[in-house]
Amino acid sequence: MRVLLVVYDNESYIHEFPLGIAYIASTLLHEGIDVEIFNQDVHHYPDEYLTEYLDKNRFDVVGIGVVGGYYQYRKLLRLSKAINHSKRRPFFVLGGHGPSPEPEYFLKKTQADAIVIGEGEITIITLVKALEAHQSLAHVKGIAYNIKGNIFINERQPLIKNIDSITWPAYDLFPINYYRLLRYTHTSSTDFVMPMLTGRGCKFKCNFCYRMDSGFRKRANDAIIEEIEYLKITYGITYILFTDELLMSSIERTESFCKDLIRSKLNIKWSCNGRLNYATRDIMKLMKKAGCVFVNFGIEAMDDQILKNMNKALTTKQIISGIENTLAAGISPGYNIIFGNIGENKETLQKAVEFLLKYDDGAQIRTIRPVTPYPGSALYYYAIEKGLLKDAKDFYENKHTNSDLLTVNFTDMSDKEFYDCLLEANTRLLKNYSQNYISFSIEQLKQLYLLKDSSFRGFRQT
């Protein structure tokens, strides 16, 4: 069996290494299945080139994975068209958070043959082996499939309990010298960056999250450190971007990981996603000592009632304390705030803006986006129940046209009032960021001309 895995182009200058595809590739290789990667991301191939590539090369299976964004959806439709136009069209498989909650809709829309629902490592092997043996797909757990227009949805595949049993991403199949050039918060011009996972899932259940699998499964510290060491030695990686949903899954887990990382003496920089209720003063100091330079926090709102409505399991008091502890430790916090959840109004937005203006350290440009009820989220089903949204087709074809525009208005404000508020809020935030940058640049000039700072090398943009 020959499998082609497509990494789509999202029009970035440097794309982030596609961990999900790399894990699937590794799993297939481990089972002796021939895998090839179609790097549209690196080469910026036109979508139609995939048709030509499939016509010239024989593959038994072609696979694409996407999340549930407006861009990804439309990109998937174009790539699906390219696959379906191929004279040697392989068995077409979809995966990822985008198709998983609404497999029937995606099968019909893309004309794919099957969708892997949720975690894919076990399912893809079972599926490919069933295809190779010309067996029925009825007993392949974790898929939905299409036979002559008839859609079948099988029972879910149980989650992999021991995720350390999953083979590492197939790094050698990918152009790492390209991916490692990714820039992130507090990367220097000489850093090489790679994403990694320390665990899967999340213990929390925010109403806007479209993650389908419950619970958190962590990797062992020594397994994580072994992979970091491999990346450092093999590819010269100096900065690890931990992209799992929640490295800071508890105080105990964060403390244990940081202490083991310090003992390893790998001396790498790293960033992660965190929880502000775990961001104590001692934990943040320890994370700083272990090499952490940035923690991306899901704040979402600065009003306690809205946080309750979101099922965020946070209070504004915890948020402020955690951010102050993060800044005091010398770590930059990432401020993720959304607007428009159930019960929001101009006053709740104003609280968020004032918070951002007070605590912004200038490490990133941060604006506030409307909340989006992605399929699979509790908010999506609430919108359908309240008649604000019909179904997946209504979401993707009519409502979700851009992540910075309203998909569904859950507030009592008119759409115009909603946008007027966001325009005012984000104008203030952008002006604040720009003024801080100007002030910082002027200070550099003063150091240069008044103190004859010979280390100055011009104003550069990475």
Protein backbone atom coordinates (compact mmCIF):
# COMPACT_ATOMS: atom_id res chain seq x y z
CA MET A 1 0.00 0.00 0.00
CA ARG A 2 1.18 3.50 -0.85
CA VAL A 3 -0.20 6.47 1.08
CA LEU A 4 0.11 10.15 0.17
CA LEU A 5 -0.40 12.60 3.05
CA VAL A 6 -1.14 16.17 1.99
CA VAL A 7 0.15 19.12 4.02
CA TYR A 8 -1.86 22.07 2.77
CA ASP A 9 -0.60 25.62 2.23
CA ASN A 10 -2.11 28.24 4.56
CA GLU A 11 -0.11 30.99 2.81
CA SER A 12 2.34 31.49 5.69
CA TYR A 13 5.90 32.55 4.91
CA ILE A 14 7.15 29.77 7.20
CA HIS A 15 4.66 27.10 8.23
CA GLU A 16 4.61 25.32 11.56
CA PHE A 17 5.76 21.70 11.41
CA PRO A 18 2.60 19.57 10.85
CA LEU A 19 2.72 17.40 13.97
CA GLY A 20 -0.58 15.63 13.36
CA ILE A 21 0.35 14.47 9.86
CA ALA A 22 3.84 13.54 11.08
CA TYR A 23 2.41 11.28 13.80
CA ILE A 24 0.13 9.55 11.29
CA ALA A 25 3.05 9.12 8.86
CA SER A 26 5.18 7.60 11.59
CA THR A 27 2.46 5.17 12.60
CA LEU A 28 2.02 4.02 9.00
CA LEU A 29 5.74 3.59 8.48
CA HIS A 30 5.99 1.56 11.68
CA GLU A 31 3.48 -0.89 10.16
CA GLY A 32 5.54 -1.21 6.97
CA ILE A 33 3.26 0.99 4.86
CA ASP A 34 4.88 3.21 2.22
CA VAL A 35 4.27 6.90 2.97
CA GLU A 36 4.96 10.03 0.96
CA ILE A 37 4.37 13.66 1.95
CA PHE A 38 2.93 16.23 -0.47
CA ASN A 39 4.37 19.50 0.86
CA GLN A 40 2.10 22.10 -0.65
CA ASP A 41 2.97 24.28 2.35
CA VAL A 42 6.68 24.48 1.59
CA HIS A 43 6.46 24.82 -2.19
CA HIS A 44 3.19 26.81 -2.48
CA TYR A 45 1.96 24.48 -5.20
CA PRO A 46 -1.33 25.55 -6.81
CA ASP A 47 -4.19 23.30 -5.72
CA GLU A 48 -4.57 21.92 -9.24
CA TYR A 49 -1.03 20.53 -9.10
CA LEU A 50 -2.28 17.81 -6.75
CA THR A 51 -4.39 16.43 -9.61
CA GLU A 52 -1.35 16.29 -11.86
CA TYR A 53 0.75 14.67 -9.12
CA LEU A 54 -1.83 11.95 -8.51
CA ASP A 55 -2.14 11.32 -12.25
CA LYS A 56 1.62 10.80 -12.55
CA ASN A 57 2.11 8.72 -9.39
CA ARG A 58 0.18 5.72 -8.12
CA PHE A 59 -1.15 5.85 -4.56
CA ASP A 60 -3.69 3.62 -2.87
CA VAL A 61 -4.74 6.19 -0.27
CA VAL A 62 -4.58 9.98 -0.07
CA GLY A 63 -5.19 11.75 3.24
CA ILE A 64 -5.76 15.33 4.41
CA GLY A 65 -6.31 16.65 7.94
CA VAL A 66 -7.84 20.04 8.77
CA VAL A 67 -9.20 21.98 11.75
CA GLY A 68 -12.54 23.76 11.67
CA GLY A 69 -11.61 27.21 10.40
CA TYR A 70 -13.16 29.10 7.51
CA TYR A 71 -9.90 29.14 5.54
CA GLN A 72 -9.20 25.45 6.16
CA TYR A 73 -12.71 24.50 5.07
CA ARG A 74 -12.49 26.32 1.75
CA LYS A 75 -8.96 25.06 1.20
CA LEU A 76 -10.18 21.52 1.81
CA LEU A 77 -12.92 21.92 -0.78
CA ARG A 78 -10.38 23.04 -3.40
CA LEU A 79 -7.99 20.20 -2.60
CA SER A 80 -10.88 17.70 -2.59
CA LYS A 81 -11.83 18.89 -6.06
CA ALA A 82 -8.24 18.36 -7.19
CA ILE A 83 -8.23 14.82 -5.79
CA ASN A 84 -11.60 13.90 -7.26
CA HIS A 85 -10.50 15.11 -10.71
CA SER A 86 -7.53 12.76 -10.75
CA LYS A 87 -7.60 9.98 -13.33
CA ARG A 88 -5.94 7.70 -10.78
CA ARG A 89 -7.93 8.89 -7.78
CA PRO A 90 -6.93 6.93 -4.66
CA PHE A 91 -9.13 6.09 -1.69
CA PHE A 92 -9.69 9.54 -0.15
CA VAL A 93 -9.50 9.95 3.66
CA LEU A 94 -10.12 13.03 5.80
CA GLY A 95 -9.13 13.62 9.42
CA GLY A 96 -8.76 16.31 12.06
CA HIS A 97 -10.97 18.46 14.28
CA GLY A 98 -12.78 19.97 11.29
CA PRO A 99 -14.52 16.90 9.79
CA SER A 100 -14.75 14.84 13.02
CA PRO A 101 -17.85 16.46 14.63
CA GLU A 102 -19.87 16.51 11.39
CA PRO A 103 -18.64 13.55 9.31
CA GLU A 104 -21.80 13.12 7.25
CA TYR A 105 -21.70 16.70 6.02
CA PHE A 106 -18.00 16.55 5.15
CA LEU A 107 -18.30 13.22 3.33
CA LYS A 108 -21.05 14.60 1.12
CA LYS A 109 -19.38 17.96 0.55
CA THR A 110 -15.89 16.68 -0.30
CA GLN A 111 -16.86 13.31 -1.84
CA ALA A 112 -14.25 11.72 0.38
CA ASP A 113 -14.48 7.97 0.97
CA ALA A 114 -13.87 7.97 4.72
CA ILE A 115 -13.29 10.24 7.70
CA VAL A 116 -11.13 9.33 10.67
CA ILE A 117 -13.01 10.66 13.70
CA GLY A 118 -10.82 11.92 16.53
CA GLU A 119 -7.44 10.42 17.42
CA GLY A 120 -6.11 8.72 14.32
CA GLU A 121 -3.08 6.53 14.97
CA ILE A 122 -4.89 3.24 15.58
CA THR A 123 -7.80 3.96 13.27
CA ILE A 124 -5.69 4.76 10.20
CA ILE A 125 -3.79 1.48 10.49
CA THR A 126 -7.00 -0.54 10.86
CA LEU A 127 -8.51 1.31 7.90
CA VAL A 128 -5.52 0.88 5.58
CA LYS A 129 -5.18 -2.81 6.44
CA ALA A 130 -8.89 -3.37 5.76
CA LEU A 131 -8.48 -1.68 2.38
CA GLU A 132 -5.41 -3.75 1.59
CA ALA A 133 -7.27 -6.98 2.41
CA HIS A 134 -10.39 -5.81 0.52
CA GLN A 135 -12.43 -6.20 3.71
CA SER A 136 -15.61 -4.46 4.74
CA LEU A 137 -15.16 -1.17 6.60
CA ALA A 138 -18.11 -1.91 8.87
CA HIS A 139 -15.85 -3.11 11.68
CA VAL A 140 -13.23 -0.35 11.48
CA LYS A 141 -13.71 1.66 14.67
CA GLY A 142 -13.39 5.43 14.55
CA ILE A 143 -14.48 6.11 10.98
CA ALA A 144 -17.40 7.35 8.96
CA TYR A 145 -17.50 6.18 5.35
CA ASN A 146 -19.37 6.62 2.12
CA ILE A 147 -20.46 3.81 -0.18
CA LYS A 148 -22.31 4.97 -3.28
CA GLY A 149 -23.88 7.89 -1.47
CA ASN A 150 -24.81 5.92 1.65
CA ILE A 151 -23.14 7.24 4.81
CA PHE A 152 -22.17 4.92 7.66
CA ILE A 153 -20.77 6.08 11.01
CA ASN A 154 -19.00 3.41 13.07
CA GLU A 155 -18.47 3.35 16.82
CA ARG A 156 -15.61 5.47 18.15
CA GLN A 157 -12.09 4.16 18.60
CA PRO A 158 -11.07 4.18 22.30
CA LEU A 159 -8.39 6.72 23.14
CA ILE A 160 -4.80 5.54 23.39
CA LYS A 161 -4.17 5.42 27.14
CA ASN A 162 -0.38 5.26 27.00
CA ILE A 163 0.56 7.96 24.52
CA ASP A 164 4.26 7.23 25.05
CA SER A 165 3.53 4.06 23.06
CA ILE A 166 2.93 6.19 19.96
CA THR A 167 6.01 6.43 17.77
CA TRP A 168 7.63 9.86 17.42
CA PRO A 169 6.66 12.02 14.44
CA ALA A 170 8.36 10.92 11.22
CA TYR A 171 10.79 13.85 11.24
CA ASP A 172 12.98 12.39 8.50
CA LEU A 173 10.12 12.58 5.95
CA PHE A 174 9.93 16.37 6.26
CA PRO A 175 12.18 19.32 5.33
CA ILE A 176 13.07 20.25 8.92
CA ASN A 177 15.56 22.88 7.77
CA TYR A 178 12.53 24.79 6.50
CA TYR A 179 10.19 24.25 9.44
CA ARG A 180 12.79 25.13 12.07
CA LEU A 181 12.90 28.71 10.72
CA LEU A 182 9.48 29.41 12.28
CA ARG A 183 9.53 32.59 14.43
CA TYR A 184 7.69 32.80 17.72
CA THR A 185 7.61 34.99 20.81
CA HIS A 186 11.13 35.69 22.11
CA THR A 187 12.93 33.71 19.43
CA SER A 188 16.27 35.24 18.54
CA SER A 189 17.46 35.53 14.95
CA THR A 190 19.67 32.46 15.50
CA ASP A 191 17.08 30.19 17.18
CA PHE A 192 15.72 27.09 15.48
CA VAL A 193 12.14 26.27 16.52
CA MET A 194 10.13 23.03 16.56
CA PRO A 195 6.72 22.17 18.04
CA MET A 196 6.28 19.18 20.34
CA LEU A 197 3.57 17.53 22.42
CA THR A 198 3.86 16.78 26.15
CA GLY A 199 0.36 15.37 26.36
CA ARG A 200 -3.05 15.16 24.72
CA GLY A 201 -6.38 16.58 25.74
CA CYS A 202 -7.57 18.91 28.49
CA LYS A 203 -9.33 18.49 31.83
CA PHE A 204 -11.58 21.51 31.25
CA LYS A 205 -14.74 21.94 29.16
CA CYS A 206 -15.07 25.51 27.91
CA ASN A 207 -18.28 26.02 25.95
CA PHE A 208 -16.49 27.29 22.82
CA CYS A 209 -13.99 24.41 22.57
CA TYR A 210 -14.59 21.89 19.79
CA ARG A 211 -12.33 19.16 21.22
CA MET A 212 -14.36 15.93 21.22
CA ASP A 213 -12.20 13.76 23.49
CA SER A 214 -12.45 14.30 27.25
CA GLY A 215 -9.67 14.07 29.81
CA PHE A 216 -5.93 14.66 29.75
CA ARG A 217 -3.20 12.12 29.02
CA LYS A 218 0.37 13.12 29.76
CA ARG A 219 3.65 11.84 28.42
CA ALA A 220 6.40 10.77 30.80
CA ASN A 221 8.98 13.47 31.50
CA ASP A 222 11.91 11.30 30.42
CA ALA A 223 10.21 10.55 27.08
CA ILE A 224 9.68 14.28 26.43
CA ILE A 225 13.27 15.12 27.36
CA GLU A 226 14.62 12.30 25.18
CA GLU A 227 12.76 13.74 22.17
CA ILE A 228 13.98 17.27 22.90
CA GLU A 229 17.55 15.97 23.07
CA TYR A 230 17.08 14.20 19.72
CA LEU A 231 15.77 17.38 18.09
CA LYS A 232 18.62 19.42 19.53
CA ILE A 233 21.34 17.01 18.43
CA THR A 234 19.86 16.05 15.05
CA TYR A 235 18.42 19.37 13.85
CA GLY A 236 20.05 21.99 16.06
CA ILE A 237 16.74 22.94 17.70
CA THR A 238 17.13 25.60 20.41
CA TYR A 239 13.50 26.54 21.05
CA ILE A 240 10.63 24.12 21.67
CA LEU A 241 7.07 25.25 21.07
CA PHE A 242 4.95 22.93 23.23
CA THR A 243 1.68 23.01 21.30
CA ASP A 244 -0.47 20.63 23.32
CA GLU A 245 -3.58 22.17 24.79
CA LEU A 246 -2.35 22.25 28.36
CA LEU A 247 1.22 21.56 29.47
CA MET A 248 0.23 23.21 32.78
CA SER A 249 -2.39 20.56 33.56
CA SER A 250 -1.67 20.80 37.29
CA ILE A 251 0.83 22.42 39.65
CA GLU A 252 2.35 19.01 40.44
CA ARG A 253 2.81 18.06 36.79
CA THR A 254 4.32 21.43 35.86
CA GLU A 255 6.73 21.35 38.80
CA SER A 256 7.83 17.79 38.05
CA PHE A 257 8.44 18.52 34.37
CA CYS A 258 10.41 21.71 35.03
CA LYS A 259 12.65 20.06 37.62
CA ASP A 260 13.45 17.17 35.28
CA LEU A 261 14.12 19.58 32.41
CA ILE A 262 16.52 21.57 34.59
CA ARG A 263 18.32 18.35 35.61
CA SER A 264 18.70 17.40 31.95
CA LYS A 265 20.87 20.50 31.35
CA LEU A 266 19.55 20.77 27.78
CA ASN A 267 19.37 24.56 28.16
CA ILE A 268 16.62 25.17 25.63
CA LYS A 269 14.09 27.97 25.40
CA TRP A 270 10.46 26.95 25.33
CA SER A 271 6.87 28.15 25.34
CA CYS A 272 3.60 26.42 26.15
CA ASN A 273 -0.12 26.74 26.79
CA GLY A 274 -1.03 27.26 30.43
CA ARG A 275 -3.77 27.73 33.03
CA LEU A 276 -3.79 30.86 35.17
CA ASN A 277 -5.18 29.08 38.24
CA TYR A 278 -1.90 27.11 38.29
CA ALA A 279 0.34 30.13 37.64
CA THR A 280 1.59 30.58 41.19
CA ARG A 281 4.63 32.71 41.94
CA ASP A 282 6.79 29.67 42.70
CA ILE A 283 5.67 27.74 39.63
CA MET A 284 6.37 30.65 37.29
CA LYS A 285 9.83 31.18 38.80
CA LEU A 286 10.56 27.48 38.30
CA MET A 287 9.32 27.61 34.70
CA LYS A 288 11.59 30.58 34.03
CA LYS A 289 14.56 28.69 35.49
CA ALA A 290 13.72 25.73 33.23
CA GLY A 291 13.92 27.93 30.12
CA CYS A 292 10.31 29.05 29.62
CA VAL A 293 10.02 32.44 27.89
CA PHE A 294 6.32 32.57 26.96
CA VAL A 295 3.07 31.05 28.21
CA ASN A 296 -0.09 31.31 26.12
CA PHE A 297 -3.07 31.71 28.44
CA GLY A 298 -6.75 31.28 27.62
CA ILE A 299 -8.24 34.23 29.48
CA GLU A 300 -11.27 34.73 27.22
CA ALA A 301 -13.08 37.34 29.38
CA MET A 302 -12.57 39.65 32.35
CA ASP A 303 -16.02 39.32 33.90
CA ASP A 304 -16.79 36.58 36.42
CA GLN A 305 -20.33 35.95 35.17
CA ILE A 306 -19.16 35.60 31.57
CA LEU A 307 -16.42 33.22 32.70
CA LYS A 308 -19.11 31.12 34.38
CA ASN A 309 -21.25 31.22 31.25
CA MET A 310 -18.25 29.93 29.30
CA ASN A 311 -17.66 27.15 31.84
CA LYS A 312 -14.10 28.48 31.99
CA ALA A 313 -13.41 27.39 35.60
CA LEU A 314 -11.48 30.62 36.22
CA THR A 315 -12.14 33.85 38.10
CA THR A 316 -10.89 37.34 37.30
CA LYS A 317 -8.98 37.27 40.60
CA GLN A 318 -7.11 34.13 39.48
CA ILE A 319 -6.43 35.68 36.08
CA ILE A 320 -4.91 38.86 37.50
CA SER A 321 -2.86 36.99 40.08
CA GLY A 322 -1.54 34.53 37.49
CA ILE A 323 -0.62 37.25 34.99
CA GLU A 324 1.18 39.28 37.68
CA ASN A 325 3.11 36.18 38.76
CA THR A 326 4.04 35.43 35.14
CA LEU A 327 5.32 38.96 34.49
CA ALA A 328 7.18 39.04 37.83
CA ALA A 329 9.03 35.86 36.82
CA GLY A 330 10.19 37.49 33.58
CA ILE A 331 7.97 35.36 31.33
CA SER A 332 5.75 36.94 28.68
CA PRO A 333 2.06 35.97 28.91
CA GLY A 334 -0.12 35.41 25.85
CA TYR A 335 -3.46 37.16 26.28
CA ASN A 336 -6.24 35.30 24.49
CA ILE A 337 -9.57 37.11 24.87
CA ILE A 338 -12.72 36.60 22.82
CA PHE A 339 -15.93 38.61 22.76
CA GLY A 340 -19.56 37.80 22.18
CA ASN A 341 -20.23 34.78 24.37
CA ILE A 342 -23.58 34.36 26.12
CA GLY A 343 -24.33 37.44 28.25
CA GLU A 344 -21.57 39.68 26.88
CA ASN A 345 -22.06 43.41 26.33
CA LYS A 346 -20.09 46.61 25.82
CA GLU A 347 -19.17 46.76 29.51
CA THR A 348 -17.67 43.25 29.59
CA LEU A 349 -15.61 44.09 26.50
CA GLN A 350 -14.41 47.31 28.12
CA LYS A 351 -13.16 45.34 31.15
CA ALA A 352 -11.12 43.13 28.84
CA VAL A 353 -9.59 46.09 27.01
CA GLU A 354 -8.59 47.84 30.24
CA PHE A 355 -7.00 44.62 31.48
CA LEU A 356 -4.98 44.22 28.27
CA LEU A 357 -3.81 47.83 28.34
CA LYS A 358 -2.69 47.51 31.95
CA TYR A 359 -0.74 44.26 31.63
CA ASP A 360 0.52 44.28 28.03
CA ASP A 361 4.30 43.74 27.95
CA GLY A 362 4.56 44.35 24.19
CA ALA A 363 5.71 40.83 23.35
CA GLN A 364 2.89 40.26 20.84
CA ILE A 365 0.20 42.13 18.98
CA ARG A 366 -3.06 41.12 20.66
CA THR A 367 -6.54 41.95 19.43
CA ILE A 368 -9.94 40.63 20.49
CA ARG A 369 -11.91 38.37 18.16
CA PRO A 370 -15.57 37.32 18.17
CA VAL A 371 -16.31 33.95 19.71
CA THR A 372 -16.99 31.25 17.10
CA PRO A 373 -19.30 28.27 17.82
CA TYR A 374 -17.27 25.64 15.99
CA PRO A 375 -19.01 22.32 15.28
CA GLY A 376 -18.37 19.99 18.19
CA SER A 377 -18.47 22.75 20.81
CA ALA A 378 -21.25 23.17 23.37
CA LEU A 379 -21.80 26.66 21.95
CA TYR A 380 -22.48 25.19 18.50
CA TYR A 381 -25.29 22.99 19.79
CA TYR A 382 -26.64 25.89 21.89
CA ALA A 383 -26.79 28.02 18.74
CA ILE A 384 -28.73 25.31 16.92
CA GLU A 385 -31.09 24.85 19.88
CA LYS A 386 -31.81 28.59 20.00
CA GLY A 387 -32.38 28.83 16.25
CA LEU A 388 -29.30 30.99 15.70
CA LEU A 389 -27.71 28.35 13.48
CA LYS A 390 -29.28 25.58 11.40
CA ASP A 391 -26.53 23.01 10.93
CA ALA A 392 -22.98 22.42 9.67
CA LYS A 393 -23.89 23.62 6.19
CA ASP A 394 -25.26 26.87 7.58
CA PHE A 395 -22.10 27.31 9.67
CA TYR A 396 -19.57 26.70 6.89
CA GLU A 397 -21.44 27.98 3.85
CA ASN A 398 -23.29 30.99 5.26
CA LYS A 399 -22.12 32.13 8.68
CA HIS A 400 -18.41 31.43 9.26
CA THR A 401 -16.71 33.56 6.63
CA ASN A 402 -13.80 34.90 8.68
CA SER A 403 -12.49 34.42 12.24
CA ASP A 404 -12.61 38.18 12.85
CA LEU A 405 -16.26 38.49 11.79
CA LEU A 406 -19.41 37.34 13.57
CA THR A 407 -20.53 33.80 12.92
CA VAL A 408 -23.37 33.89 15.43
CA ASN A 409 -24.35 36.86 17.58
CA PHE A 410 -25.08 35.56 21.09
CA THR A 411 -25.41 39.05 22.60
CA ASP A 412 -28.37 41.45 22.86
CA MET A 413 -26.47 43.93 20.67
CA SER A 414 -27.17 44.45 16.99
CA ASP A 415 -24.45 43.30 14.60
CA LYS A 416 -23.58 46.94 13.91
CA GLU A 417 -23.26 47.71 17.63
CA PHE A 418 -21.13 44.60 18.03
CA TYR A 419 -18.71 45.63 15.30
CA ASP A 420 -18.59 49.24 16.48
CA CYS A 421 -17.51 48.03 19.91
CA LEU A 422 -14.82 45.74 18.48
CA LEU A 423 -13.56 48.49 16.18
CA GLU A 424 -13.14 50.84 19.11
CA ALA A 425 -11.57 48.16 21.34
CA ASN A 426 -9.04 46.90 18.79
CA THR A 427 -8.16 50.43 17.67
CA ARG A 428 -7.15 51.20 21.26
CA LEU A 429 -5.14 47.98 21.53
CA LEU A 430 -3.29 48.51 18.25
CA LYS A 431 -2.48 52.13 19.07
CA ASN A 432 -1.14 51.03 22.45
CA TYR A 433 1.07 48.36 20.86
CA SER A 434 2.36 50.81 18.24
CA GLN A 435 3.11 53.50 20.82
CA ASN A 436 4.98 51.03 23.00
CA TYR A 437 7.03 49.93 19.99
CA ILE A 438 7.83 53.53 19.08
CA SER A 439 8.87 54.30 22.67
CA PHE A 440 11.11 51.23 22.77
CA SER A 441 12.72 52.18 19.43
CA ILE A 442 13.36 55.75 20.61
CA GLU A 443 15.05 54.38 23.73
CA GLN A 444 17.30 52.34 21.45
CA LEU A 445 18.20 55.52 19.58
CA LYS A 446 19.04 57.29 22.83
CA GLN A 447 21.32 54.41 23.82
CA LEU A 448 22.95 54.59 20.39
CA TYR A 449 23.56 58.33 20.11
CA LEU A 450 23.85 59.46 23.70
CA LEU A 451 25.70 56.47 25.16
CA LYS A 452 27.46 55.41 21.92
CA ASP A 453 26.01 51.90 22.08
CA SER A 454 28.17 50.00 19.59
CA SER A 455 26.05 46.85 19.91
CA PHE A 456 23.21 48.46 17.93
CA ARG A 457 22.78 46.81 14.53
CA GLY A 458 19.90 48.73 13.02
CA PHE A 459 16.16 48.28 13.17
CA ARG A 460 15.49 44.82 11.80
CA GLN A 461 12.31 42.86 11.24
CA THR A 462 12.60 39.08 11.30
